[in-house]
Amino acid sequence: MKMLHVVILTFAFLFSIPAFAQLENVFNNCPPEGKVSPTGPNDPDLNLAKNRIERPDHFEDVKLADLIRLEIPRGISQEKWRREWPKETLEKVRVQEARAVRTEGYVVKGFPGKQESANCYSPKGDFHLLLAESPNDDRTKAMITETTPRIQDRHPTWEHERLQKLADDRAHVRISGWLMMDQQHLDLIGRGAATSWEIHPILQIEVLEKGKWKEL
């Protein structure tokens, strides 16, 4: 009877929705939590946020200025994993990270990311598009938005060269994706970006052409 109970619990875990989602979200043998060590600096919970692949039923339209001004809760730390943050801090972050948002602006900077633990140090990494309210702004007034390899793989037109051209052209774009706090970018505020809140991962890119939005 005890063995039957164990078997039932095992099957319940394997076929639960969260477990199924985790099993489906494996990219090039890299799990959604990426490659981390128990004592290393790379946060598996941050990697899980970066590696989301689910698409929401709809996106919430938000002005870029409002996203840039979004409060950064006290207690967020670059040195500590999320599970070590104060409970109140983590709850505030989770509320915001449940938001799938859409905003528009100008791409003022674009560049590929470095190899990182979220992608198990694969050569194919993220691509950063820094979004500002004006094409004349620099990156200190911009919000970081990022594509990820898991999402790029579903969009053959998102080659890095084409994404880079958006930045070279200071393109007027509309970006949709998951809101995310990147605690690893706290030290960029004021010099490399306006906030450590990001749209990460990007799920949709649209470019304004002749007054109409055209999907990239």
C-alpha atoms as a PDB file:
ATOM      1  CA  MET A   1       0.000   0.000   0.000  1.00  0.00           C
ATOM      2  CA  LYS A   2       2.864   2.339   0.867  1.00  0.00           C
ATOM      3  CA  MET A   3       4.577   1.586  -2.464  1.00  0.00           C
ATOM      4  CA  LEU A   4       1.327   2.351  -4.343  1.00  0.00           C
ATOM      5  CA  HIS A   5       1.118   5.687  -2.568  1.00  0.00           C
ATOM      6  CA  VAL A   6       4.661   6.568  -3.636  1.00  0.00           C
ATOM      7  CA  VAL A   7       3.923   5.635  -7.253  1.00  0.00           C
ATOM      8  CA  ILE A   8       0.772   7.781  -7.294  1.00  0.00           C
ATOM      9  CA  LEU A   9       2.658  10.780  -5.905  1.00  0.00           C
ATOM     10  CA  THR A  10       5.447  10.301  -8.445  1.00  0.00           C
ATOM     11  CA  PHE A  11       3.048  10.294 -11.376  1.00  0.00           C
ATOM     12  CA  ALA A  12       1.212  13.303  -9.956  1.00  0.00           C
ATOM     13  CA  PHE A  13       4.503  15.237  -9.896  1.00  0.00           C
ATOM     14  CA  LEU A  14       5.640  14.198 -13.344  1.00  0.00           C
ATOM     15  CA  PHE A  15       2.384  15.129 -15.005  1.00  0.00           C
ATOM     16  CA  SER A  16       1.652  18.317 -13.112  1.00  0.00           C
ATOM     17  CA  ILE A  17       1.569  21.451 -15.275  1.00  0.00           C
ATOM     18  CA  PRO A  18       4.671  23.101 -13.754  1.00  0.00           C
ATOM     19  CA  ALA A  19       6.762  19.945 -14.141  1.00  0.00           C
ATOM     20  CA  PHE A  20       5.566  19.491 -17.722  1.00  0.00           C
ATOM     21  CA  ALA A  21       6.437  23.102 -18.510  1.00  0.00           C
ATOM     22  CA  GLN A  22       9.920  22.618 -17.104  1.00  0.00           C
ATOM     23  CA  LEU A  23      10.465  19.451 -19.131  1.00  0.00           C
ATOM     24  CA  GLU A  24       9.319  21.170 -22.323  1.00  0.00           C
ATOM     25  CA  ASN A  25      11.561  24.171 -21.727  1.00  0.00           C
ATOM     26  CA  VAL A  26      14.900  22.529 -22.471  1.00  0.00           C
ATOM     27  CA  PHE A  27      16.984  24.209 -25.166  1.00  0.00           C
ATOM     28  CA  ASN A  28      20.093  22.543 -26.584  1.00  0.00           C
ATOM     29  CA  ASN A  29      20.213  20.302 -23.494  1.00  0.00           C
ATOM     30  CA  CYS A  30      20.136  23.374 -21.269  1.00  0.00           C
ATOM     31  CA  PRO A  31      17.405  23.285 -18.576  1.00  0.00           C
ATOM     32  CA  PRO A  32      15.391  26.438 -17.763  1.00  0.00           C
ATOM     33  CA  GLU A  33      17.423  27.081 -14.600  1.00  0.00           C
ATOM     34  CA  GLY A  34      20.604  27.102 -16.691  1.00  0.00           C
ATOM     35  CA  LYS A  35      23.946  25.922 -15.372  1.00  0.00           C
ATOM     36  CA  VAL A  36      24.614  26.910 -11.769  1.00  0.00           C
ATOM     37  CA  SER A  37      26.566  25.640  -8.803  1.00  0.00           C
ATOM     38  CA  PRO A  38      25.310  25.591  -5.196  1.00  0.00           C
ATOM     39  CA  THR A  39      27.925  28.126  -4.092  1.00  0.00           C
ATOM     40  CA  GLY A  40      28.276  30.128  -7.306  1.00  0.00           C
ATOM     41  CA  PRO A  41      27.044  33.678  -7.998  1.00  0.00           C
ATOM     42  CA  ASN A  42      24.563  32.693 -10.714  1.00  0.00           C
ATOM     43  CA  ASP A  43      20.981  32.618  -9.472  1.00  0.00           C
ATOM     44  CA  PRO A  44      18.851  29.701 -10.775  1.00  0.00           C
ATOM     45  CA  ASP A  45      15.622  31.606 -10.026  1.00  0.00           C
ATOM     46  CA  LEU A  46      16.798  34.569 -12.097  1.00  0.00           C
ATOM     47  CA  ASN A  47      17.652  32.164 -14.913  1.00  0.00           C
ATOM     48  CA  LEU A  48      14.144  30.687 -14.714  1.00  0.00           C
ATOM     49  CA  ALA A  49      12.715  34.177 -15.191  1.00  0.00           C
ATOM     50  CA  LYS A  50      15.026  34.867 -18.126  1.00  0.00           C
ATOM     51  CA  ASN A  51      14.174  31.579 -19.815  1.00  0.00           C
ATOM     52  CA  ARG A  52      10.387  31.814 -19.829  1.00  0.00           C
ATOM     53  CA  ILE A  53       8.849  30.665 -23.092  1.00  0.00           C
ATOM     54  CA  GLU A  54       5.106  30.854 -22.333  1.00  0.00           C
ATOM     55  CA  ARG A  55       3.097  33.431 -24.264  1.00  0.00           C
ATOM     56  CA  PRO A  56       0.308  35.328 -22.445  1.00  0.00           C
ATOM     57  CA  ASP A  57      -3.263  35.707 -23.638  1.00  0.00           C
ATOM     58  CA  HIS A  58      -2.675  39.440 -24.066  1.00  0.00           C
ATOM     59  CA  PHE A  59      -0.106  42.163 -23.436  1.00  0.00           C
ATOM     60  CA  GLU A  60      -0.661  45.150 -21.179  1.00  0.00           C
ATOM     61  CA  ASP A  61       0.081  48.428 -22.966  1.00  0.00           C
ATOM     62  CA  VAL A  62       2.388  50.547 -20.789  1.00  0.00           C
ATOM     63  CA  LYS A  63       4.251  53.752 -21.561  1.00  0.00           C
ATOM     64  CA  LEU A  64       8.014  53.326 -21.630  1.00  0.00           C
ATOM     65  CA  ALA A  65       8.439  56.216 -19.191  1.00  0.00           C
ATOM     66  CA  ASP A  66       6.258  54.393 -16.650  1.00  0.00           C
ATOM     67  CA  LEU A  67       8.328  51.209 -16.976  1.00  0.00           C
ATOM     68  CA  ILE A  68      11.552  53.164 -16.509  1.00  0.00           C
ATOM     69  CA  ARG A  69      10.148  54.861 -13.399  1.00  0.00           C
ATOM     70  CA  LEU A  70       8.933  51.588 -11.899  1.00  0.00           C
ATOM     71  CA  GLU A  71      10.005  51.263  -8.272  1.00  0.00           C
ATOM     72  CA  ILE A  72      12.978  49.036  -7.519  1.00  0.00           C
ATOM     73  CA  PRO A  73      12.029  47.384  -4.209  1.00  0.00           C
ATOM     74  CA  ARG A  74      14.394  47.681  -1.279  1.00  0.00           C
ATOM     75  CA  GLY A  75      16.158  44.448  -0.409  1.00  0.00           C
ATOM     76  CA  ILE A  76      17.148  43.463  -3.950  1.00  0.00           C
ATOM     77  CA  SER A  77      20.756  42.340  -3.969  1.00  0.00           C
ATOM     78  CA  GLN A  78      23.334  41.431  -6.595  1.00  0.00           C
ATOM     79  CA  GLU A  79      25.292  39.419  -4.070  1.00  0.00           C
ATOM     80  CA  LYS A  80      22.429  37.188  -2.911  1.00  0.00           C
ATOM     81  CA  TRP A  81      20.210  34.695  -4.693  1.00  0.00           C
ATOM     82  CA  ARG A  82      16.535  35.641  -4.866  1.00  0.00           C
ATOM     83  CA  ARG A  83      15.583  32.968  -2.354  1.00  0.00           C
ATOM     84  CA  GLU A  84      17.730  34.835   0.189  1.00  0.00           C
ATOM     85  CA  TRP A  85      15.962  38.174  -0.307  1.00  0.00           C
ATOM     86  CA  PRO A  86      13.393  39.420   2.222  1.00  0.00           C
ATOM     87  CA  LYS A  87      10.005  37.826   1.615  1.00  0.00           C
ATOM     88  CA  GLU A  88       8.348  41.211   1.042  1.00  0.00           C
ATOM     89  CA  THR A  89      10.957  42.146  -1.577  1.00  0.00           C
ATOM     90  CA  LEU A  90      10.561  38.897  -3.464  1.00  0.00           C
ATOM     91  CA  GLU A  91       6.776  39.203  -3.454  1.00  0.00           C
ATOM     92  CA  LYS A  92       6.927  42.699  -4.957  1.00  0.00           C
ATOM     93  CA  VAL A  93       9.233  41.441  -7.712  1.00  0.00           C
ATOM     94  CA  ARG A  94       7.019  38.439  -8.444  1.00  0.00           C
ATOM     95  CA  VAL A  95       3.947  40.657  -8.806  1.00  0.00           C
ATOM     96  CA  GLN A  96       5.689  42.736 -11.462  1.00  0.00           C
ATOM     97  CA  GLU A  97       7.201  39.720 -13.210  1.00  0.00           C
ATOM     98  CA  ALA A  98       3.714  38.310 -13.718  1.00  0.00           C
ATOM     99  CA  ARG A  99       3.055  41.219 -16.105  1.00  0.00           C
ATOM    100  CA  ALA A 100       3.338  40.699 -19.850  1.00  0.00           C
ATOM    101  CA  VAL A 101       3.785  44.214 -21.231  1.00  0.00           C
ATOM    102  CA  ARG A 102       3.931  46.024 -24.553  1.00  0.00           C
ATOM    103  CA  THR A 103       5.663  49.359 -24.986  1.00  0.00           C
ATOM    104  CA  GLU A 104       7.112  51.459 -27.760  1.00  0.00           C
ATOM    105  CA  GLY A 105      10.208  53.565 -28.197  1.00  0.00           C
ATOM    106  CA  TYR A 106      13.402  53.916 -30.195  1.00  0.00           C
ATOM    107  CA  VAL A 107      16.260  51.427 -30.267  1.00  0.00           C
ATOM    108  CA  VAL A 108      19.315  53.481 -29.270  1.00  0.00           C
ATOM    109  CA  LYS A 109      21.734  50.613 -28.719  1.00  0.00           C
ATOM    110  CA  GLY A 110      22.000  46.965 -29.718  1.00  0.00           C
ATOM    111  CA  PHE A 111      24.553  44.309 -28.912  1.00  0.00           C
ATOM    112  CA  PRO A 112      24.847  40.542 -28.316  1.00  0.00           C
ATOM    113  CA  GLY A 113      25.162  39.330 -24.743  1.00  0.00           C
ATOM    114  CA  LYS A 114      28.076  37.378 -23.340  1.00  0.00           C
ATOM    115  CA  GLN A 115      28.002  33.654 -22.687  1.00  0.00           C
ATOM    116  CA  GLU A 116      26.145  33.157 -19.421  1.00  0.00           C
ATOM    117  CA  SER A 117      24.837  30.536 -17.050  1.00  0.00           C
ATOM    118  CA  ALA A 118      21.198  31.017 -18.141  1.00  0.00           C
ATOM    119  CA  ASN A 119      22.121  29.542 -21.526  1.00  0.00           C
ATOM    120  CA  CYS A 120      24.617  27.029 -20.092  1.00  0.00           C
ATOM    121  CA  TYR A 121      27.396  29.184 -21.593  1.00  0.00           C
ATOM    122  CA  SER A 122      26.302  28.472 -25.146  1.00  0.00           C
ATOM    123  CA  PRO A 123      27.912  30.646 -27.863  1.00  0.00           C
ATOM    124  CA  LYS A 124      24.372  31.543 -28.937  1.00  0.00           C
ATOM    125  CA  GLY A 125      23.254  34.088 -26.382  1.00  0.00           C
ATOM    126  CA  ASP A 126      20.853  36.929 -25.753  1.00  0.00           C
ATOM    127  CA  PHE A 127      20.651  40.078 -27.841  1.00  0.00           C
ATOM    128  CA  HIS A 128      20.107  43.419 -26.112  1.00  0.00           C
ATOM    129  CA  LEU A 129      17.923  46.170 -27.553  1.00  0.00           C
ATOM    130  CA  LEU A 130      18.014  49.344 -25.457  1.00  0.00           C
ATOM    131  CA  LEU A 131      14.759  51.240 -25.753  1.00  0.00           C
ATOM    132  CA  ALA A 132      14.430  55.002 -25.171  1.00  0.00           C
ATOM    133  CA  GLU A 133      11.676  57.580 -25.583  1.00  0.00           C
ATOM    134  CA  SER A 134      13.656  59.605 -28.132  1.00  0.00           C
ATOM    135  CA  PRO A 135      16.014  58.482 -30.918  1.00  0.00           C
ATOM    136  CA  ASN A 136      18.456  61.099 -29.613  1.00  0.00           C
ATOM    137  CA  ASP A 137      18.649  59.635 -26.099  1.00  0.00           C
ATOM    138  CA  ASP A 138      21.679  57.686 -24.971  1.00  0.00           C
ATOM    139  CA  ARG A 139      21.642  54.376 -23.100  1.00  0.00           C
ATOM    140  CA  THR A 140      21.553  56.060 -19.671  1.00  0.00           C
ATOM    141  CA  LYS A 141      17.928  56.997 -20.429  1.00  0.00           C
ATOM    142  CA  ALA A 142      17.017  53.613 -21.899  1.00  0.00           C
ATOM    143  CA  MET A 143      15.438  50.377 -20.715  1.00  0.00           C
ATOM    144  CA  ILE A 144      17.136  47.091 -21.549  1.00  0.00           C
ATOM    145  CA  THR A 145      15.043  44.593 -23.485  1.00  0.00           C
ATOM    146  CA  GLU A 146      16.442  41.190 -24.457  1.00  0.00           C
ATOM    147  CA  THR A 147      15.736  38.378 -26.830  1.00  0.00           C
ATOM    148  CA  THR A 148      16.796  34.916 -25.652  1.00  0.00           C
ATOM    149  CA  PRO A 149      17.999  31.883 -27.641  1.00  0.00           C
ATOM    150  CA  ARG A 150      14.871  29.922 -26.689  1.00  0.00           C
ATOM    151  CA  ILE A 151      12.631  32.603 -28.203  1.00  0.00           C
ATOM    152  CA  GLN A 152      14.969  33.505 -31.075  1.00  0.00           C
ATOM    153  CA  ASP A 153      14.788  29.899 -32.207  1.00  0.00           C
ATOM    154  CA  ARG A 154      11.057  30.405 -32.837  1.00  0.00           C
ATOM    155  CA  HIS A 155      11.659  33.546 -34.901  1.00  0.00           C
ATOM    156  CA  PRO A 156      13.970  32.848 -37.856  1.00  0.00           C
ATOM    157  CA  THR A 157      13.858  36.541 -38.840  1.00  0.00           C
ATOM    158  CA  TRP A 158      15.465  37.599 -35.567  1.00  0.00           C
ATOM    159  CA  GLU A 159      19.049  37.163 -36.751  1.00  0.00           C
ATOM    160  CA  HIS A 160      21.513  39.225 -34.734  1.00  0.00           C
ATOM    161  CA  GLU A 161      22.450  41.221 -37.838  1.00  0.00           C
ATOM    162  CA  ARG A 162      18.830  42.256 -38.340  1.00  0.00           C
ATOM    163  CA  LEU A 163      18.401  43.149 -34.685  1.00  0.00           C
ATOM    164  CA  GLN A 164      21.589  45.207 -34.834  1.00  0.00           C
ATOM    165  CA  LYS A 165      20.190  47.128 -37.797  1.00  0.00           C
ATOM    166  CA  LEU A 166      17.272  48.246 -35.630  1.00  0.00           C
ATOM    167  CA  ALA A 167      19.803  49.972 -33.397  1.00  0.00           C
ATOM    168  CA  ASP A 168      21.843  51.360 -36.288  1.00  0.00           C
ATOM    169  CA  ASP A 169      18.660  52.877 -37.756  1.00  0.00           C
ATOM    170  CA  ARG A 170      17.379  54.096 -34.368  1.00  0.00           C
ATOM    171  CA  ALA A 171      14.200  52.291 -35.371  1.00  0.00           C
ATOM    172  CA  HIS A 172      10.809  53.104 -33.842  1.00  0.00           C
ATOM    173  CA  VAL A 173       9.649  49.779 -32.435  1.00  0.00           C
ATOM    174  CA  ARG A 174       7.019  48.177 -30.253  1.00  0.00           C
ATOM    175  CA  ILE A 175       8.351  45.521 -27.884  1.00  0.00           C
ATOM    176  CA  SER A 176       6.203  42.910 -26.139  1.00  0.00           C
ATOM    177  CA  GLY A 177       7.352  40.455 -23.501  1.00  0.00           C
ATOM    178  CA  TRP A 178       7.683  39.609 -19.825  1.00  0.00           C
ATOM    179  CA  LEU A 179       8.682  42.242 -17.304  1.00  0.00           C
ATOM    180  CA  MET A 180      11.715  41.098 -15.332  1.00  0.00           C
ATOM    181  CA  MET A 181      14.030  42.415 -12.622  1.00  0.00           C
ATOM    182  CA  ASP A 182      17.677  41.732 -13.469  1.00  0.00           C
ATOM    183  CA  GLN A 183      19.506  42.180 -10.192  1.00  0.00           C
ATOM    184  CA  GLN A 184      22.772  41.608 -12.031  1.00  0.00           C
ATOM    185  CA  HIS A 185      22.257  44.962 -13.760  1.00  0.00           C
ATOM    186  CA  LEU A 186      21.722  47.092 -10.660  1.00  0.00           C
ATOM    187  CA  ASP A 187      25.161  48.623 -11.091  1.00  0.00           C
ATOM    188  CA  LEU A 188      24.300  49.772 -14.626  1.00  0.00           C
ATOM    189  CA  ILE A 189      21.676  52.270 -13.461  1.00  0.00           C
ATOM    190  CA  GLY A 190      22.713  55.777 -14.455  1.00  0.00           C
ATOM    191  CA  ARG A 191      25.589  54.684 -16.658  1.00  0.00           C
ATOM    192  CA  GLY A 192      24.460  51.741 -18.810  1.00  0.00           C
ATOM    193  CA  ALA A 193      20.684  51.927 -18.461  1.00  0.00           C
ATOM    194  CA  ALA A 194      17.979  53.915 -16.692  1.00  0.00           C
ATOM    195  CA  THR A 195      16.629  50.970 -14.680  1.00  0.00           C
ATOM    196  CA  SER A 196      17.310  47.334 -13.854  1.00  0.00           C
ATOM    197  CA  TRP A 197      13.737  46.440 -14.800  1.00  0.00           C
ATOM    198  CA  GLU A 198      13.785  44.826 -18.244  1.00  0.00           C
ATOM    199  CA  ILE A 199      11.510  43.282 -20.824  1.00  0.00           C
ATOM    200  CA  HIS A 200      13.138  39.867 -20.814  1.00  0.00           C
ATOM    201  CA  PRO A 201      12.428  37.780 -22.748  1.00  0.00           C
ATOM    202  CA  ILE A 202      11.053  39.709 -25.718  1.00  0.00           C
ATOM    203  CA  LEU A 203       8.209  37.745 -27.287  1.00  0.00           C
ATOM    204  CA  GLN A 204       7.282  40.068 -30.144  1.00  0.00           C
ATOM    205  CA  ILE A 205       9.015  42.858 -32.085  1.00  0.00           C
ATOM    206  CA  GLU A 206       7.126  45.263 -34.328  1.00  0.00           C
ATOM    207  CA  VAL A 207       8.633  48.067 -36.408  1.00  0.00           C
ATOM    208  CA  LEU A 208       6.789  51.242 -37.393  1.00  0.00           C
ATOM    209  CA  GLU A 209       6.932  51.539 -41.180  1.00  0.00           C
ATOM    210  CA  LYS A 210       4.928  54.167 -43.088  1.00  0.00           C
ATOM    211  CA  GLY A 211       2.628  54.654 -40.127  1.00  0.00           C
ATOM    212  CA  LYS A 212       1.859  50.964 -39.626  1.00  0.00           C
ATOM    213  CA  TRP A 213       3.229  48.378 -37.239  1.00  0.00           C
ATOM    214  CA  LYS A 214       4.950  45.533 -39.050  1.00  0.00           C
ATOM    215  CA  GLU A 215       6.074  42.408 -37.218  1.00  0.00           C
ATOM    216  CA  LEU A 216       9.781  41.694 -37.551  1.00  0.00           C
END
